[in-house]
Each structure stands twice: as C-alpha cells, then as structure tokens.
Amino acid sequence: MKQNGSAQVFEPFWIGPLADDTVSDRNESCRYRARRTGFPSRKVGQGRFAGVHWMLREALFLWLANHLPKGRIGTRARHEALRCAGLKLSSKVIVMGPVTITPPGTGGRITIGSRSFLNSNIRFGGKGGITIGRFAQIAPNVSFETSSHELAFEEGRSRGPITAPVVVHDHVWIGTGAIILPGVTIGRGAVVAAGAVVTRNVPPKTLVGGVPARVLREVHELPL
C-alpha cells in the first residue's frame, strides 16, 4: 500500500519481479497485504482467531489462483497468489491450476523447488507435509496424499489416522492420474507411470508403474 497525498493506494501483488531461488523472501514478493479486510500477514501467530484468519487468507488467495487465466501473465500472477496462500514456491515454478489443498490451512506445509512444472488439477493432501524438489514434472490429475487410516479396526470406533510426509526429489516425472500415498519418498530422476498408485519408496533413476506400483526398469541419466 502506498501513500498518495491523503489517499491510500493498494499495489497489486503481481507487480514487481519474482523472487530468487529461495523461498525466504516470499513475503516481499507478495506485495498485497489484506490487513484492510482483517487478514493477518504471515508474521501474525498470536491471538485467539489467528488460525481462522490464516485459513481465510489461504482460501482467498487459493480461490484467486484457481480462477486466473492461462498464459504468461496468468501463470505469473498464479505463482504469486499461491505464495500469498502460504505455499513455499521457489522462483520459476509453473503451476497451471486449479490446485486443491486439503485440509484447509495446510498450504504452508507444501514446498516446491525451482523450475518445477505442475499441470492442471493437482491435489495436495498436505497435513503431513509435501516437498517437491527442483526440475520436477507433474502431469494432470496427480494426487499427493499424506493422511490415511490404519488397516485394523476396533468395534465402536473409527479407524485411527496415519499421517506421514511425501518427498519428491529432483528431476522426478509423475504421469497423469498417479496417486502418491503417505510416507512415500520418490528418488532423484525416477519416473512414475500414469495411473500408478505408489505405496512405497521409489529408488532413484527407476520407472515404476501399476497398482500397487513396482519397479519396471531403470532410467539412465544423460551425460552433461
């Protein structure tokens, strides 16, 4: 917000250059601060309603990101809107959108490295935390799930929850419609075939596919 005489002028959050490869300065690139409408900045962590305010802020900017048009300007604005929603995006990350984050308020547990590409309709079940490395390629309709339930049950009670993080290392390619389940780590340079359900760790430089996913072959790294 800038002072212009006696008037107050809001500066749109997409004005200005993108941040560098770190995510520590994402607050600086998120120029728009919604304090006038009651939403706190990321530094606000105190107070009775701070959690509710942050969930509303995430919902607002996520809605905006999901309704921006495709194309260069829309993609750049979406990158900044997702940062304002709490996602830890490095520079030159492309997210086509729309993006689903569940449960609400877990966007701050999602980290995506530089030069990664995420196609449309990506779902983040982010309660356990999701980390995606650099140069990752994520096809449409991929789901990252960090919460599930125990297989065993007890009479008169719901199954107990299981929460574990998902980690995707650098140069990973995940095909259309794949599902990554809680606790999975996908090694550097691995490829997940379309429609695979990944229930266990994927070794680096391997191709996995099927339900549940299993190793199909090795993937070679080209020399520099």
Protein backbone atom coordinates (compact mmCIF):
# COMPACT_ATOMS: atom_id res chain seq x y z
CA MET A 1 0.00 0.00 0.00
CA LYS A 2 1.39 3.43 -0.95
CA GLN A 3 0.54 6.89 0.34
CA ASN A 4 -0.54 9.26 -2.43
CA GLY A 5 -1.26 12.58 -0.71
CA SER A 6 -4.19 11.83 1.58
CA ALA A 7 -5.30 8.80 -0.43
CA GLN A 8 -4.21 5.21 0.12
CA VAL A 9 -3.42 3.18 -2.98
CA PHE A 10 -3.20 -0.63 -2.98
CA GLU A 11 -0.42 -2.05 -5.13
CA PRO A 12 -1.41 -5.36 -6.82
CA PHE A 13 0.60 -8.32 -5.54
CA TRP A 14 1.79 -9.36 -9.02
CA ILE A 15 3.66 -6.08 -9.65
CA GLY A 16 7.43 -6.38 -9.47
CA PRO A 17 9.97 -9.11 -10.27
CA LEU A 18 9.69 -12.62 -9.00
CA ALA A 19 11.87 -13.61 -6.07
CA ASP A 20 15.09 -15.56 -6.46
CA ASP A 21 15.51 -19.29 -5.96
CA THR A 22 14.94 -19.10 -2.20
CA VAL A 23 11.55 -19.07 -0.55
CA SER A 24 12.57 -16.93 2.43
CA ASP A 25 11.54 -13.69 0.74
CA ARG A 26 8.12 -14.77 -0.48
CA ASN A 27 6.51 -12.22 1.83
CA GLU A 28 8.32 -9.42 -0.01
CA SER A 29 7.05 -10.60 -3.40
CA CYS A 30 3.53 -10.85 -2.01
CA ARG A 31 3.04 -7.08 -2.13
CA TYR A 32 -0.66 -7.05 -1.34
CA ARG A 33 -1.46 -7.24 2.36
CA ALA A 34 -5.10 -7.77 3.21
CA ARG A 35 -4.96 -6.02 6.58
CA ARG A 36 -7.72 -3.66 5.50
CA THR A 37 -10.07 -6.65 5.28
CA GLY A 38 -8.92 -8.28 8.50
CA PHE A 39 -6.47 -10.88 7.15
CA PRO A 40 -3.16 -11.10 9.01
CA SER A 41 0.29 -11.20 7.48
CA ARG A 42 2.36 -14.39 7.74
CA LYS A 43 4.11 -12.99 10.80
CA VAL A 44 0.90 -12.96 12.81
CA GLY A 45 0.88 -16.07 15.01
CA GLN A 46 -0.71 -14.75 18.19
CA GLY A 47 -4.29 -14.16 19.14
CA ARG A 48 -7.40 -16.22 19.52
CA PHE A 49 -8.50 -16.08 15.90
CA ALA A 50 -5.11 -16.09 14.16
CA GLY A 51 -5.61 -19.65 12.85
CA VAL A 52 -9.05 -18.87 11.46
CA HIS A 53 -7.78 -15.69 9.81
CA TRP A 54 -4.91 -17.56 8.19
CA MET A 55 -7.28 -20.24 6.83
CA LEU A 56 -9.46 -17.50 5.34
CA ARG A 57 -6.41 -15.86 3.80
CA GLU A 58 -5.32 -19.17 2.28
CA ALA A 59 -8.83 -19.75 0.91
CA LEU A 60 -8.97 -16.25 -0.60
CA PHE A 61 -5.67 -16.45 -2.46
CA LEU A 62 -6.20 -20.08 -3.47
CA TRP A 63 -9.56 -19.12 -4.99
CA LEU A 64 -7.85 -16.28 -6.85
CA ALA A 65 -5.06 -18.56 -8.10
CA ASN A 66 -7.57 -21.13 -9.35
CA HIS A 67 -9.57 -18.53 -11.30
CA LEU A 68 -6.71 -16.76 -13.07
CA PRO A 69 -6.45 -17.34 -16.83
CA LYS A 70 -3.82 -19.46 -18.50
CA GLY A 71 -0.96 -17.79 -20.30
CA ARG A 72 2.15 -15.91 -19.25
CA ILE A 73 0.53 -13.16 -17.20
CA GLY A 74 -1.95 -15.51 -15.51
CA THR A 75 0.80 -18.03 -14.70
CA ARG A 76 2.99 -15.33 -13.14
CA ALA A 77 0.08 -13.97 -11.10
CA ARG A 78 -0.90 -17.51 -10.02
CA HIS A 79 2.64 -18.11 -8.76
CA GLU A 80 2.40 -15.03 -6.52
CA ALA A 81 -1.16 -15.80 -5.39
CA LEU A 82 -0.13 -19.30 -4.30
CA ARG A 83 2.77 -17.81 -2.35
CA CYS A 84 0.34 -15.48 -0.62
CA ALA A 85 -1.83 -18.52 0.16
CA GLY A 86 1.15 -19.92 2.07
CA LEU A 87 2.76 -22.35 -0.37
CA LYS A 88 6.58 -22.24 -0.34
CA LEU A 89 7.32 -21.84 -4.05
CA SER A 90 10.79 -21.13 -5.38
CA SER A 91 11.24 -18.98 -8.45
CA LYS A 92 10.31 -20.18 -11.94
CA VAL A 93 7.83 -22.74 -10.63
CA ILE A 94 4.92 -23.09 -13.07
CA VAL A 95 1.55 -24.19 -11.72
CA MET A 96 -1.21 -24.41 -14.32
CA GLY A 97 -4.03 -24.86 -11.80
CA PRO A 98 -6.52 -25.43 -10.45
CA VAL A 99 -4.98 -26.72 -7.22
CA THR A 100 -6.79 -28.43 -4.35
CA ILE A 101 -5.38 -28.21 -0.81
CA THR A 102 -6.92 -30.30 1.95
CA PRO A 103 -7.46 -29.97 4.84
CA PRO A 104 -7.74 -26.17 4.75
CA GLY A 105 -4.85 -24.33 6.34
CA THR A 106 -2.11 -26.78 5.28
CA GLY A 107 -0.76 -24.81 2.32
CA GLY A 108 2.24 -23.73 4.38
CA ARG A 109 3.36 -27.36 4.55
CA ILE A 110 3.84 -27.59 0.77
CA THR A 111 7.29 -26.79 -0.66
CA ILE A 112 8.15 -26.82 -4.40
CA GLY A 113 11.66 -26.35 -5.77
CA SER A 114 12.87 -24.16 -8.60
CA ARG A 115 11.90 -24.83 -12.23
CA SER A 116 9.33 -27.47 -11.40
CA PHE A 117 6.17 -27.75 -13.51
CA LEU A 118 2.76 -28.76 -12.19
CA ASN A 119 -0.03 -29.31 -14.68
CA SER A 120 -3.77 -28.94 -14.02
CA ASN A 121 -5.92 -30.45 -11.26
CA ILE A 122 -3.22 -31.27 -8.73
CA ARG A 123 -4.43 -32.35 -5.29
CA PHE A 124 -2.35 -31.79 -2.16
CA GLY A 125 -3.43 -33.65 0.97
CA GLY A 126 -0.92 -31.56 2.85
CA LYS A 127 -1.44 -32.38 6.52
CA GLY A 128 1.77 -34.42 6.78
CA GLY A 129 3.86 -32.11 4.61
CA ILE A 130 4.78 -32.34 0.92
CA THR A 131 8.19 -31.49 -0.51
CA ILE A 132 8.85 -31.44 -4.28
CA GLY A 133 12.39 -30.85 -5.49
CA ARG A 134 13.80 -28.98 -8.49
CA PHE A 135 13.03 -29.71 -12.14
CA ALA A 136 10.09 -31.97 -11.24
CA GLN A 137 7.39 -32.57 -13.86
CA ILE A 138 3.91 -33.33 -12.55
CA ALA A 139 1.20 -34.34 -15.05
CA PRO A 140 -2.53 -33.57 -14.68
CA ASN A 141 -4.74 -35.14 -12.02
CA VAL A 142 -1.92 -36.26 -9.73
CA SER A 143 -2.72 -36.64 -6.02
CA PHE A 144 -0.29 -36.32 -3.13
CA GLU A 145 -1.86 -37.84 -0.03
CA THR A 146 -0.20 -37.58 3.39
CA SER A 147 -3.08 -38.88 5.53
CA SER A 148 -4.73 -42.30 5.67
CA HIS A 149 -6.17 -44.75 8.21
CA GLU A 150 -4.96 -47.85 9.99
CA LEU A 151 -6.00 -51.16 8.44
CA ALA A 152 -7.05 -52.71 11.76
CA PHE A 153 -10.25 -51.51 13.41
CA GLU A 154 -11.89 -51.59 16.82
CA GLU A 155 -15.58 -52.19 17.45
CA GLY A 156 -17.46 -48.94 18.04
CA ARG A 157 -14.62 -46.68 16.90
CA SER A 158 -13.44 -45.18 13.65
CA ARG A 159 -10.11 -46.35 12.28
CA GLY A 160 -7.18 -44.38 13.64
CA PRO A 161 -5.45 -41.81 11.40
CA ILE A 162 -1.99 -42.20 9.86
CA THR A 163 -0.05 -39.13 8.76
CA ALA A 164 3.35 -39.17 7.07
CA PRO A 165 5.15 -36.76 4.71
CA VAL A 166 5.66 -37.18 0.96
CA VAL A 167 9.05 -36.28 -0.53
CA VAL A 168 9.73 -35.97 -4.28
CA HIS A 169 13.38 -35.44 -5.19
CA ASP A 170 14.86 -33.53 -8.13
CA HIS A 171 14.17 -34.44 -11.77
CA VAL A 172 11.18 -36.66 -11.00
CA TRP A 173 8.43 -37.14 -13.60
CA ILE A 174 4.99 -38.23 -12.36
CA GLY A 175 2.49 -39.32 -15.00
CA THR A 176 -1.20 -38.48 -15.34
CA GLY A 177 -3.53 -39.67 -12.60
CA ALA A 178 -0.85 -41.13 -10.33
CA ILE A 179 -1.53 -41.28 -6.59
CA ILE A 180 1.31 -40.86 -4.11
CA LEU A 181 0.39 -42.24 -0.66
CA PRO A 182 1.62 -41.23 2.82
CA GLY A 183 5.25 -41.77 3.75
CA VAL A 184 6.50 -42.22 0.18
CA THR A 185 9.86 -40.84 -0.97
CA ILE A 186 10.49 -40.75 -4.73
CA GLY A 187 14.19 -40.79 -5.53
CA ARG A 188 16.07 -38.46 -7.84
CA GLY A 189 15.36 -38.95 -11.54
CA ALA A 190 12.61 -41.53 -11.03
CA VAL A 191 9.55 -41.80 -13.27
CA VAL A 192 6.05 -42.76 -12.07
CA ALA A 193 3.85 -44.14 -14.84
CA ALA A 194 0.36 -42.80 -15.47
CA GLY A 195 -2.30 -44.24 -13.18
CA ALA A 196 0.18 -45.76 -10.73
CA VAL A 197 -0.60 -45.98 -7.03
CA VAL A 198 2.67 -45.52 -5.16
CA THR A 199 2.60 -47.17 -1.74
CA ARG A 200 6.33 -47.50 -1.01
CA ASN A 201 9.57 -45.65 -1.66
CA VAL A 202 10.75 -45.39 -5.27
CA PRO A 203 14.50 -45.90 -5.86
CA PRO A 204 16.36 -43.18 -7.78
CA LYS A 205 16.52 -43.48 -11.58
CA THR A 206 13.82 -46.13 -11.89
CA LEU A 207 10.48 -46.37 -13.71
CA VAL A 208 7.59 -47.63 -11.58
CA GLY A 209 4.04 -48.42 -12.60
CA GLY A 210 0.95 -50.43 -11.71
CA VAL A 211 -1.37 -50.82 -8.73
CA PRO A 212 0.43 -51.00 -6.41
CA ALA A 213 3.44 -49.54 -8.20
CA ARG A 214 6.50 -51.74 -8.76
CA VAL A 215 9.85 -51.20 -10.47
CA LEU A 216 9.65 -51.81 -14.23
CA ARG A 217 13.08 -50.73 -15.44
CA GLU A 218 16.00 -48.41 -14.82
CA VAL A 219 16.19 -44.82 -16.08
CA HIS A 220 19.51 -43.58 -17.46
CA GLU A 221 20.94 -40.13 -16.78
CA LEU A 222 22.38 -38.44 -19.82
CA PRO A 223 25.93 -37.08 -19.50
CA LEU A 224 26.49 -33.32 -19.43
